[in-house]
Amino acid sequence: MTSDVLVLGAGIVGVSTALHLLERGRSVVLFDRAEPGSGTSYGNAGLIERSSVIPYSFPRDPMALLRYALNGQSDVRYSPSFLPKAASFLWQYWRNSAAAPLEVATRAMLPLVQACIPEHDRLVARAGAEHLIRADGWVALYKTTARFNAAVAEAGRLAPFGLQYRVLTPQEFIALEPAYRPGLSTIAGAIHWQDPKTVTDPQGLVKAYADLFAANGGQMARGDAATLTEIAGGWQVTGADGATITAREAVVALGPQSGLVFRKAGYRIPLGIKRGYHRHYTQTDGAMPRLSVVDEESGYVLAPMRQGLRITTGIEFADPAAPANDIQIRRDEVEARRLLDLGPPVEKTPWLGLRPCLPDMRPIIGPAPRHKGLWFHFGHAHHGLTLGPASGRLLSEMMTGETPFVDPAPYAATRFA
């Protein structure tokens, strides 16, 4: 099998990239060892997050750092034995979370965030996936008056970004979401962010995009991306059936597994991994919430999904290969049961996923500096589902010689040279 481009990775980022390249007349092979959307793209909270214009930064407040150091929080947990291995990444992440570099990251990411809804809308319409999308935003829930008042003030400071939101009293929240406990006294208020969209089956959406890719002439193949080898005039991988697949260009869109390729090629890129979990629950009274709700003070998401009500945890810093644990899910479940009636879990054990992150809160989108025809496209952190179609468009424009719709310089791999 031969093609113009070999895209390694069939998550939302890789599938979106393959679709954009196909639209621009390139022959494309989408290569992965598993089904489209079965990795990190499967387990997210299903938010197309138009309102997240400020990247997720590392806490700078000393009191917050002390709370996290005690390791009893539900939104962030760490494995003490893993901290020495993660120290360099965490130090860089902390430094880039200061006011000045965070402002740089915000300006760099804003064009992609602004493009996320239009780019998804176009692919959703082409793929016939409208049944997987809800266009009524999500709700940020606050339990203490101090946090609620601070969040309202912060929302006001985001006015230059033109975001639509509504501040809710506890009574207004219950009127909007009657599946939660009537007379709820455990919250101080909420903010309904109205610009984002939500996905009821993230893997289903990636599969719909992959089906669109295949229906329009794209080729799909299974195999291990670590077999990528540079050959005369291009790149080659070996499929699961032993056959070779060659292409003039290759895109590394492997999310948390991207290091299998870039390290082999000699690149030292500080790709960090944030682990995260989810679990689905039935509703004892059959009343499924309508909107996704983020418990901002406990750091988890309650998202209505096809499989049930999904609890998606915050961050765990631990060895990516370490066994899964249920500490965060158990903590989040206790908090969630104070808000609404959860039935039994659907799965016996929580699902564990890996989020690929870079310490300056920007993905790498662009050419590999020392290898002709090799392109990098990874490190989207918490926003792979949000940004995949937009960043896929940007990379495909770079690869085909079009004028990019946004300046690609902030995403260049050379910043880590």
Protein backbone atom coordinates (compact mmCIF):
# COMPACT_ATOMS: atom_id res chain seq x y z
CA MET A 1 0.00 0.00 0.00
CA THR A 2 1.32 3.43 -0.92
CA SER A 3 -0.05 6.91 -0.35
CA ASP A 4 0.89 10.57 -0.18
CA VAL A 5 0.48 10.74 3.60
CA LEU A 6 0.54 8.23 6.43
CA VAL A 7 -1.31 9.48 9.52
CA LEU A 8 -0.29 7.60 12.66
CA GLY A 9 -3.09 7.58 15.24
CA ALA A 10 -6.85 7.26 14.81
CA GLY A 11 -8.01 9.41 17.71
CA ILE A 12 -9.87 12.66 17.15
CA VAL A 13 -6.66 14.51 16.22
CA GLY A 14 -5.44 11.93 13.71
CA VAL A 15 -8.85 11.29 12.12
CA SER A 16 -9.48 15.03 11.75
CA THR A 17 -6.06 15.51 10.15
CA ALA A 18 -6.65 12.65 7.73
CA LEU A 19 -10.03 14.10 6.71
CA HIS A 20 -8.60 17.56 6.05
CA LEU A 21 -5.74 16.14 3.97
CA LEU A 22 -8.16 13.99 1.99
CA GLU A 23 -10.28 17.05 1.24
CA ARG A 24 -7.20 18.74 -0.17
CA GLY A 25 -6.56 16.00 -2.68
CA ARG A 26 -3.98 13.93 -0.84
CA SER A 27 -4.17 10.13 -0.73
CA VAL A 28 -4.09 9.17 2.95
CA VAL A 29 -3.66 6.01 5.01
CA LEU A 30 -4.91 6.22 8.61
CA PHE A 31 -2.83 3.81 10.69
CA ASP A 32 -3.53 2.58 14.22
CA ARG A 33 -3.35 -0.64 16.18
CA ALA A 34 -6.96 -0.29 17.37
CA GLU A 35 -10.38 1.00 16.33
CA PRO A 36 -10.80 4.74 15.73
CA GLY A 37 -11.48 6.66 18.91
CA SER A 38 -10.74 3.75 21.26
CA GLY A 39 -7.87 5.43 23.12
CA THR A 40 -7.84 8.80 24.87
CA SER A 41 -10.65 10.00 22.59
CA TYR A 42 -12.99 7.43 24.12
CA GLY A 43 -12.78 8.54 27.71
CA ASN A 44 -13.14 12.32 27.81
CA ALA A 45 -15.99 14.38 29.23
CA GLY A 46 -17.48 15.06 25.80
CA LEU A 47 -17.05 18.85 25.89
CA ILE A 48 -16.35 20.88 22.75
CA GLU A 49 -15.01 23.59 24.98
CA ARG A 50 -15.44 26.94 23.27
CA SER A 51 -15.48 28.74 26.63
CA SER A 52 -12.04 27.52 27.82
CA VAL A 53 -10.10 30.48 26.52
CA ILE A 54 -7.59 30.32 29.39
CA PRO A 55 -5.45 27.15 29.37
CA TYR A 56 -5.42 24.85 32.40
CA SER A 57 -2.46 26.16 34.37
CA PHE A 58 -0.49 24.87 37.34
CA PRO A 59 -1.61 26.35 40.69
CA ARG A 60 0.56 29.25 41.84
CA ASP A 61 -1.18 30.12 45.11
CA PRO A 62 0.87 28.79 48.09
CA MET A 63 -2.21 27.66 50.00
CA ALA A 64 -3.50 25.73 46.97
CA LEU A 65 -0.09 24.11 46.54
CA LEU A 66 -0.12 23.07 50.19
CA ARG A 67 -3.56 21.47 49.83
CA TYR A 68 -2.41 19.51 46.79
CA ALA A 69 0.80 18.49 48.54
CA LEU A 70 -1.29 16.77 51.21
CA ASN A 71 -2.68 14.59 48.37
CA GLY A 72 -6.24 14.47 49.69
CA GLN A 73 -7.91 16.49 46.92
CA SER A 74 -10.18 14.84 44.39
CA ASP A 75 -9.31 17.07 41.43
CA VAL A 76 -5.56 16.38 41.48
CA ARG A 77 -3.81 13.34 42.89
CA TYR A 78 -0.22 12.15 42.60
CA SER A 79 1.76 9.00 43.20
CA PRO A 80 4.68 9.93 45.50
CA SER A 81 6.99 7.42 43.82
CA PHE A 82 6.34 9.04 40.42
CA LEU A 83 7.13 12.64 41.41
CA PRO A 84 10.91 12.38 40.84
CA LYS A 85 10.27 11.20 37.27
CA ALA A 86 7.79 14.02 36.64
CA ALA A 87 9.78 16.75 38.40
CA SER A 88 11.25 18.35 35.27
CA PHE A 89 7.87 18.50 33.52
CA LEU A 90 6.10 19.85 36.62
CA TRP A 91 8.78 22.52 37.12
CA GLN A 92 8.42 23.72 33.53
CA TYR A 93 4.63 23.59 33.81
CA TRP A 94 4.74 25.68 37.01
CA ARG A 95 7.04 28.27 35.43
CA ASN A 96 4.85 28.59 32.33
CA SER A 97 1.80 29.12 34.54
CA ALA A 98 3.06 32.51 35.76
CA ALA A 99 1.04 35.48 34.52
CA ALA A 100 3.21 36.51 31.57
CA PRO A 101 3.75 33.07 29.93
CA LEU A 102 0.12 32.12 30.63
CA GLU A 103 -0.94 35.21 28.69
CA VAL A 104 1.29 34.08 25.81
CA ALA A 105 -0.32 30.64 25.86
CA THR A 106 -3.80 32.17 25.98
CA ARG A 107 -3.14 34.34 22.92
CA ALA A 108 -1.60 31.39 21.08
CA MET A 109 -4.49 29.01 21.74
CA LEU A 110 -7.36 31.46 21.23
CA PRO A 111 -7.62 31.16 17.40
CA LEU A 112 -7.90 27.36 17.65
CA VAL A 113 -10.48 27.59 20.45
CA GLN A 114 -12.50 30.12 18.44
CA ALA A 115 -12.48 27.76 15.44
CA CYS A 116 -13.51 24.62 17.36
CA ILE A 117 -17.29 24.91 16.94
CA PRO A 118 -17.33 25.84 13.21
CA GLU A 119 -14.84 23.10 12.33
CA HIS A 120 -16.76 20.45 14.29
CA ASP A 121 -20.08 21.66 12.85
CA ARG A 122 -18.83 21.18 9.30
CA LEU A 123 -17.57 17.65 9.94
CA VAL A 124 -20.67 16.71 11.95
CA ALA A 125 -22.90 17.76 9.06
CA ARG A 126 -20.82 15.84 6.51
CA ALA A 127 -20.70 12.74 8.72
CA GLY A 128 -24.41 12.82 9.60
CA ALA A 129 -23.52 12.81 13.29
CA GLU A 130 -25.95 15.47 14.50
CA HIS A 131 -27.61 12.94 16.81
CA LEU A 132 -24.41 12.83 18.90
CA ILE A 133 -24.23 16.59 19.53
CA ARG A 134 -26.05 18.81 22.01
CA ALA A 135 -25.87 22.58 21.61
CA ASP A 136 -26.94 23.81 25.04
CA GLY A 137 -23.57 24.30 26.77
CA TRP A 138 -22.48 23.09 30.20
CA VAL A 139 -22.79 24.26 33.81
CA ALA A 140 -20.04 25.12 36.32
CA LEU A 141 -21.26 24.38 39.85
CA TYR A 142 -19.86 26.03 43.00
CA LYS A 143 -20.39 24.88 46.59
CA THR A 144 -19.01 27.84 48.53
CA THR A 145 -19.97 31.48 48.28
CA ALA A 146 -16.35 32.61 48.05
CA ARG A 147 -15.58 30.37 45.07
CA PHE A 148 -18.88 31.28 43.39
CA ASN A 149 -18.31 35.03 43.76
CA ALA A 150 -14.75 34.68 42.47
CA ALA A 151 -15.99 32.69 39.46
CA VAL A 152 -18.64 35.32 38.64
CA ALA A 153 -15.99 38.02 38.79
CA GLU A 154 -13.67 35.98 36.56
CA ALA A 155 -16.49 35.41 34.05
CA GLY A 156 -16.94 39.15 33.89
CA ARG A 157 -13.25 39.60 33.09
CA LEU A 158 -13.68 37.28 30.10
CA ALA A 159 -16.04 39.78 28.44
CA PRO A 160 -13.47 40.68 25.71
CA PHE A 161 -13.76 37.09 24.42
CA GLY A 162 -17.48 37.49 23.69
CA LEU A 163 -18.61 34.38 25.57
CA GLN A 164 -22.27 33.82 26.36
CA TYR A 165 -23.12 32.76 29.91
CA ARG A 166 -25.80 33.02 32.56
CA VAL A 167 -25.28 33.25 36.34
CA LEU A 168 -27.67 30.92 38.22
CA THR A 169 -28.92 30.84 41.78
CA PRO A 170 -29.35 27.36 43.30
CA GLN A 171 -33.08 27.60 42.59
CA GLU A 172 -32.47 28.56 38.96
CA PHE A 173 -30.05 25.67 38.58
CA ILE A 174 -32.67 23.19 39.86
CA ALA A 175 -35.25 24.68 37.48
CA LEU A 176 -32.77 24.12 34.64
CA GLU A 177 -31.76 20.65 35.85
CA PRO A 178 -34.62 19.01 37.81
CA ALA A 179 -32.73 15.68 37.96
CA TYR A 180 -30.66 17.19 40.79
CA ARG A 181 -31.95 17.18 44.37
CA PRO A 182 -34.82 19.65 44.96
CA GLY A 183 -33.98 22.28 47.55
CA LEU A 184 -30.29 21.61 47.01
CA SER A 185 -28.38 23.31 49.84
CA THR A 186 -24.89 22.07 48.99
CA ILE A 187 -24.19 24.70 46.33
CA ALA A 188 -23.85 28.48 46.35
CA GLY A 189 -24.60 29.03 42.65
CA ALA A 190 -23.67 28.10 39.11
CA ILE A 191 -22.62 29.54 35.76
CA HIS A 192 -24.20 28.20 32.58
CA TRP A 193 -21.67 28.53 29.74
CA GLN A 194 -23.75 28.56 26.58
CA ASP A 195 -21.24 28.60 23.69
CA PRO A 196 -19.81 25.08 24.04
CA LYS A 197 -21.39 21.95 22.63
CA THR A 198 -21.36 18.49 24.18
CA VAL A 199 -21.02 14.98 22.77
CA THR A 200 -23.08 12.05 24.05
CA ASP A 201 -20.65 9.45 22.68
CA PRO A 202 -17.11 10.77 22.00
CA GLN A 203 -15.90 7.50 20.50
CA GLY A 204 -19.02 7.36 18.35
CA LEU A 205 -18.20 10.82 17.00
CA VAL A 206 -14.63 9.81 16.12
CA LYS A 207 -15.96 6.67 14.41
CA ALA A 208 -18.44 8.78 12.43
CA TYR A 209 -15.58 10.99 11.23
CA ALA A 210 -13.51 7.90 10.39
CA ASP A 211 -16.43 6.43 8.43
CA LEU A 212 -16.64 9.72 6.49
CA PHE A 213 -12.92 9.44 5.76
CA ALA A 214 -13.29 5.88 4.46
CA ALA A 215 -16.43 6.68 2.43
CA ASN A 216 -14.52 9.40 0.59
CA GLY A 217 -11.60 7.22 -0.44
CA GLY A 218 -9.38 7.23 2.62
CA GLN A 219 -7.60 3.99 3.48
CA MET A 220 -7.32 2.48 6.96
CA ALA A 221 -4.79 -0.04 8.21
CA ARG A 222 -3.86 -1.70 11.49
CA GLY A 223 -0.42 -2.01 12.99
CA ASP A 224 2.22 -0.71 15.37
CA ALA A 225 3.24 2.90 14.72
CA ALA A 226 6.60 2.25 16.40
CA THR A 227 7.62 0.43 13.21
CA LEU A 228 7.84 3.78 11.40
CA THR A 229 11.11 3.93 9.46
CA GLU A 230 12.57 6.56 7.16
CA ILE A 231 13.26 5.24 3.68
CA ALA A 232 14.47 6.81 0.45
CA GLY A 233 11.84 9.31 -0.58
CA GLY A 234 9.53 8.85 2.36
CA TRP A 235 8.37 6.76 5.31
CA GLN A 236 7.32 3.18 5.92
CA VAL A 237 5.43 1.16 8.54
CA THR A 238 4.67 -2.52 8.83
CA GLY A 239 1.02 -3.49 9.18
CA ALA A 240 -0.38 -6.13 11.49
CA ASP A 241 -0.53 -8.51 8.51
CA GLY A 242 3.18 -8.02 7.78
CA ALA A 243 2.62 -5.89 4.68
CA THR A 244 4.53 -2.63 4.31
CA ILE A 245 2.84 0.72 3.84
CA THR A 246 4.84 3.60 2.37
CA ALA A 247 4.17 7.30 1.97
CA ARG A 248 6.03 10.46 1.07
CA GLU A 249 5.02 12.08 4.37
CA ALA A 250 4.03 10.88 7.83
CA VAL A 251 2.08 12.58 10.61
CA VAL A 252 2.63 11.58 14.25
CA ALA A 253 -0.79 12.04 15.89
CA LEU A 254 -0.49 9.35 18.55
CA GLY A 255 -1.46 11.44 21.56
CA PRO A 256 0.18 10.01 24.70
CA GLN A 257 2.00 7.35 22.63
CA SER A 258 3.69 9.92 20.36
CA GLY A 259 6.96 9.41 22.21
CA LEU A 260 7.23 5.95 20.65
CA VAL A 261 8.10 7.74 17.41
CA PHE A 262 9.68 11.09 18.27
CA ARG A 263 12.10 9.61 20.83
CA LYS A 264 13.17 6.96 18.34
CA ALA A 265 13.87 9.78 15.86
CA GLY A 266 16.06 11.55 18.42
CA TYR A 267 13.78 14.35 19.60
CA ARG A 268 13.74 15.37 23.26
CA ILE A 269 10.26 16.80 23.70
CA PRO A 270 8.91 17.18 27.27
CA LEU A 271 5.62 15.40 26.68
CA GLY A 272 3.91 14.83 30.00
CA ILE A 273 1.04 12.48 30.78
CA LYS A 274 -1.94 13.32 32.97
CA ARG A 275 -3.91 10.22 33.84
CA GLY A 276 -7.70 10.41 34.15
CA TYR A 277 -10.60 8.07 34.84
CA HIS A 278 -14.27 7.72 34.06
CA ARG A 279 -17.14 5.49 35.08
CA HIS A 280 -20.81 5.37 34.05
CA TYR A 281 -23.76 5.17 36.44
CA THR A 282 -27.41 4.37 35.96
CA GLN A 283 -30.06 6.69 37.37
CA THR A 284 -32.20 5.09 40.06
CA ASP A 285 -35.28 7.11 39.13
CA GLY A 286 -34.58 7.04 35.41
CA ALA A 287 -34.14 10.83 35.25
CA MET A 288 -30.98 11.61 33.29
CA PRO A 289 -29.59 15.17 33.65
CA ARG A 290 -29.82 17.23 30.49
CA LEU A 291 -26.56 19.17 30.71
CA SER A 292 -22.98 18.34 31.56
CA VAL A 293 -22.11 19.73 34.99
CA VAL A 294 -18.62 20.44 36.32
CA ASP A 295 -18.22 20.36 40.10
CA GLU A 296 -15.55 23.04 40.08
CA GLU A 297 -14.48 22.62 43.68
CA SER A 298 -14.12 18.84 43.54
CA GLY A 299 -12.79 18.80 39.99
CA TYR A 300 -14.93 16.23 38.17
CA VAL A 301 -17.53 16.26 35.40
CA LEU A 302 -21.01 14.70 35.42
CA ALA A 303 -21.83 14.13 31.74
CA PRO A 304 -24.96 12.45 30.35
CA MET A 305 -23.70 9.86 27.87
CA ARG A 306 -25.15 7.05 25.79
CA GLN A 307 -23.75 4.52 28.29
CA GLY A 308 -25.11 6.32 31.39
CA LEU A 309 -24.15 9.29 33.52
CA ARG A 310 -20.38 9.55 33.17
CA ILE A 311 -18.18 10.76 36.01
CA THR A 312 -14.90 11.99 34.55
CA THR A 313 -12.16 12.66 37.07
CA GLY A 314 -9.54 15.36 37.29
CA ILE A 315 -5.80 14.74 37.02
CA GLU A 316 -3.61 11.96 38.34
CA PHE A 317 0.16 12.21 38.10
CA ALA A 318 1.38 8.62 38.11
CA ASP A 319 3.42 6.29 35.93
CA PRO A 320 1.41 5.86 32.70
CA ALA A 321 1.98 2.10 32.89
CA ALA A 322 0.96 1.76 36.55
CA PRO A 323 -2.23 -0.20 37.31
CA ALA A 324 -5.47 1.76 37.49
CA ASN A 325 -6.92 2.65 40.87
CA ASP A 326 -10.31 3.92 41.94
CA ILE A 327 -9.29 6.54 44.51
CA GLN A 328 -10.44 9.59 42.54
CA ILE A 329 -13.61 7.94 41.25
CA ARG A 330 -14.55 6.95 44.82
CA ARG A 331 -13.95 10.49 46.05
CA ASP A 332 -15.94 11.98 43.19
CA GLU A 333 -18.79 9.50 43.62
CA VAL A 334 -19.21 10.58 47.25
CA GLU A 335 -19.46 14.22 46.15
CA ALA A 336 -21.80 13.44 43.27
CA ARG A 337 -24.25 11.55 45.51
CA ARG A 338 -24.71 14.75 47.49
CA LEU A 339 -26.03 16.39 44.34
CA LEU A 340 -28.25 13.73 42.80
CA ASP A 341 -29.31 10.09 43.04
CA LEU A 342 -26.74 7.87 41.37
CA GLY A 343 -27.58 4.27 40.65
CA PRO A 344 -25.02 1.46 40.53
CA PRO A 345 -21.97 1.76 38.27
CA VAL A 346 -22.22 0.25 34.80
CA GLU A 347 -18.61 -0.99 34.68
CA LYS A 348 -16.92 -3.18 37.28
CA THR A 349 -13.79 -1.04 37.23
CA PRO A 350 -13.13 2.56 36.14
CA TRP A 351 -11.72 3.27 32.71
CA LEU A 352 -8.20 4.76 32.72
CA GLY A 353 -6.97 7.12 30.01
CA LEU A 354 -3.87 9.22 29.33
CA ARG A 355 -3.87 12.91 28.40
CA PRO A 356 -0.80 14.10 26.44
CA CYS A 357 0.38 17.51 27.71
CA LEU A 358 3.20 19.93 27.07
CA PRO A 359 4.45 22.24 29.82
CA ASP A 360 3.70 25.48 27.95
CA MET A 361 0.04 24.43 27.46
CA ARG A 362 0.24 24.33 23.66
CA PRO A 363 0.30 21.33 21.31
CA ILE A 364 3.00 20.71 18.74
CA ILE A 365 1.61 21.27 15.25
CA GLY A 366 4.12 21.36 12.41
CA PRO A 367 7.19 19.78 10.81
CA ALA A 368 9.79 17.72 12.61
CA PRO A 369 12.86 20.00 12.47
CA ARG A 370 15.42 17.43 11.29
CA HIS A 371 13.41 14.98 9.18
CA LYS A 372 11.96 15.79 5.79
CA GLY A 373 8.34 14.73 5.39
CA LEU A 374 7.76 14.02 9.10
CA TRP A 375 5.10 16.09 10.88
CA PHE A 376 4.15 16.31 14.56
CA HIS A 377 0.59 16.78 15.81
CA PHE A 378 0.14 15.97 19.50
CA GLY A 379 0.02 17.39 23.02
CA HIS A 380 -3.54 18.77 23.11
CA ALA A 381 -3.88 18.08 26.86
CA HIS A 382 -7.49 18.32 28.03
CA HIS A 383 -8.73 19.68 24.70
CA GLY A 384 -8.09 17.00 22.08
CA LEU A 385 -11.80 16.60 21.34
CA THR A 386 -12.26 20.36 21.30
CA LEU A 387 -9.32 21.23 19.08
CA GLY A 388 -8.85 18.17 16.83
CA PRO A 389 -10.73 19.43 13.75
CA ALA A 390 -9.30 22.97 14.03
CA SER A 391 -5.70 21.90 14.53
CA GLY A 392 -6.16 19.23 11.84
CA ARG A 393 -7.11 21.98 9.44
CA LEU A 394 -4.06 24.03 10.42
CA LEU A 395 -1.64 21.15 9.89
CA SER A 396 -3.18 20.15 6.56
CA GLU A 397 -2.90 23.74 5.33
CA MET A 398 0.78 23.76 6.27
CA MET A 399 1.39 20.42 4.56
CA THR A 400 -0.34 21.40 1.31
CA GLY A 401 1.15 24.88 0.98
CA GLU A 402 -2.00 26.84 1.76
CA THR A 403 -1.93 30.01 3.78
CA PRO A 404 -2.66 28.81 7.33
CA PHE A 405 -5.77 30.28 8.93
CA VAL A 406 -3.71 30.97 12.07
CA ASP A 407 -0.02 31.65 12.61
CA PRO A 408 1.57 28.22 13.27
CA ALA A 409 4.71 29.61 14.92
CA PRO A 410 3.50 29.20 18.57
CA TYR A 411 3.04 25.44 18.01
CA ALA A 412 6.42 24.72 16.41
CA ALA A 413 8.48 21.78 17.67
CA THR A 414 11.60 23.97 17.55
CA ARG A 415 10.54 25.67 20.78
CA PHE A 416 11.82 22.56 22.54
CA ALA A 417 14.98 22.17 20.46
